[in-house]
Amino acid sequence: MRSALWLLFAIGIATNVYASTFADVGGAADIGLRVVSAVILLIAGTGLWRTRANRTHENRAR
């Protein structure tokens, strides 16, 4: 599960980089590509955050 989320996160970053540098689109297509990459990053980041290891016990030991 986490590996799929990391892959989705990397795809979101690659899409954002492509939209920012290499894509020769304008107007609504550019905005749409950036919105899609942002949504992918938010979904993957939220999933990774929700599936992280519980670190509460480690913090209390310090």
C-alpha atoms as a PDB file:
ATOM      1  CA  MET A   1       0.000   0.000   0.000  1.00  0.00           C
ATOM      2  CA  ARG A   2       2.693   2.487   0.984  1.00  0.00           C
ATOM      3  CA  SER A   3       4.760   1.691  -2.089  1.00  0.00           C
ATOM      4  CA  ALA A   4       1.749   2.484  -4.291  1.00  0.00           C
ATOM      5  CA  LEU A   5       1.307   5.777  -2.442  1.00  0.00           C
ATOM      6  CA  TRP A   6       4.982   6.632  -2.921  1.00  0.00           C
ATOM      7  CA  LEU A   7       4.623   5.833  -6.624  1.00  0.00           C
ATOM      8  CA  LEU A   8       1.548   8.059  -6.840  1.00  0.00           C
ATOM      9  CA  PHE A   9       3.456  10.812  -5.006  1.00  0.00           C
ATOM     10  CA  ALA A  10       6.351  10.543  -7.493  1.00  0.00           C
ATOM     11  CA  ILE A  11       3.914  10.652 -10.422  1.00  0.00           C
ATOM     12  CA  GLY A  12       2.354  13.798  -8.953  1.00  0.00           C
ATOM     13  CA  ILE A  13       5.746  15.474  -8.648  1.00  0.00           C
ATOM     14  CA  ALA A  14       6.731  14.419 -12.177  1.00  0.00           C
ATOM     15  CA  THR A  15       3.437  15.773 -13.525  1.00  0.00           C
ATOM     16  CA  ASN A  16       3.996  19.066 -11.732  1.00  0.00           C
ATOM     17  CA  VAL A  17       7.546  19.382 -13.077  1.00  0.00           C
ATOM     18  CA  TYR A  18       6.330  18.532 -16.582  1.00  0.00           C
ATOM     19  CA  ALA A  19       3.556  21.114 -16.347  1.00  0.00           C
ATOM     20  CA  SER A  20       5.931  23.764 -15.044  1.00  0.00           C
ATOM     21  CA  THR A  21       8.809  23.271 -17.449  1.00  0.00           C
ATOM     22  CA  PHE A  22       8.176  21.128 -20.480  1.00  0.00           C
ATOM     23  CA  ALA A  23       4.479  21.361 -21.310  1.00  0.00           C
ATOM     24  CA  ASP A  24       3.734  23.754 -24.119  1.00  0.00           C
ATOM     25  CA  VAL A  25       0.084  24.193 -23.286  1.00  0.00           C
ATOM     26  CA  GLY A  26      -1.686  27.345 -22.313  1.00  0.00           C
ATOM     27  CA  GLY A  27      -4.817  28.593 -20.704  1.00  0.00           C
ATOM     28  CA  ALA A  28      -7.234  26.076 -19.290  1.00  0.00           C
ATOM     29  CA  ALA A  29      -5.075  23.057 -20.189  1.00  0.00           C
ATOM     30  CA  ASP A  30      -2.173  24.426 -18.143  1.00  0.00           C
ATOM     31  CA  ILE A  31      -4.417  25.137 -15.169  1.00  0.00           C
ATOM     32  CA  GLY A  32      -6.029  21.713 -15.470  1.00  0.00           C
ATOM     33  CA  LEU A  33      -2.669  19.942 -15.562  1.00  0.00           C
ATOM     34  CA  ARG A  34      -1.499  21.797 -12.474  1.00  0.00           C
ATOM     35  CA  VAL A  35      -4.738  21.111 -10.607  1.00  0.00           C
ATOM     36  CA  VAL A  36      -4.536  17.405 -11.429  1.00  0.00           C
ATOM     37  CA  SER A  37      -0.942  17.209 -10.208  1.00  0.00           C
ATOM     38  CA  ALA A  38      -1.852  19.073  -7.012  1.00  0.00           C
ATOM     39  CA  VAL A  39      -4.768  16.735  -6.316  1.00  0.00           C
ATOM     40  CA  ILE A  40      -2.540  13.693  -6.889  1.00  0.00           C
ATOM     41  CA  LEU A  41       0.061  15.095  -4.484  1.00  0.00           C
ATOM     42  CA  LEU A  42      -2.538  15.889  -1.829  1.00  0.00           C
ATOM     43  CA  ILE A  43      -4.112  12.437  -2.039  1.00  0.00           C
ATOM     44  CA  ALA A  44      -0.781  10.618  -1.935  1.00  0.00           C
ATOM     45  CA  GLY A  45       0.590  12.838   0.836  1.00  0.00           C
ATOM     46  CA  THR A  46      -2.522  12.362   2.951  1.00  0.00           C
ATOM     47  CA  GLY A  47      -2.402   8.612   2.425  1.00  0.00           C
ATOM     48  CA  LEU A  48       1.268   8.462   3.388  1.00  0.00           C
ATOM     49  CA  TRP A  49       0.626  10.579   6.473  1.00  0.00           C
ATOM     50  CA  ARG A  50      -2.320   8.423   7.548  1.00  0.00           C
ATOM     51  CA  THR A  51      -0.362   5.167   7.121  1.00  0.00           C
ATOM     52  CA  ARG A  52       2.790   6.322   8.910  1.00  0.00           C
ATOM     53  CA  ALA A  53       4.105   4.393  11.879  1.00  0.00           C
ATOM     54  CA  ASN A  54       2.782   5.477  15.265  1.00  0.00           C
ATOM     55  CA  ARG A  55       5.566   7.576  16.748  1.00  0.00           C
ATOM     56  CA  THR A  56       3.806   8.604  19.957  1.00  0.00           C
ATOM     57  CA  HIS A  57       5.571   5.970  22.033  1.00  0.00           C
ATOM     58  CA  GLU A  58       9.016   6.966  20.725  1.00  0.00           C
ATOM     59  CA  ASN A  59       8.410  10.630  21.572  1.00  0.00           C
ATOM     60  CA  ARG A  60       7.382   9.843  25.149  1.00  0.00           C
ATOM     61  CA  ALA A  61      10.560   7.832  25.792  1.00  0.00           C
ATOM     62  CA  ARG A  62      12.780  10.859  25.118  1.00  0.00           C
END
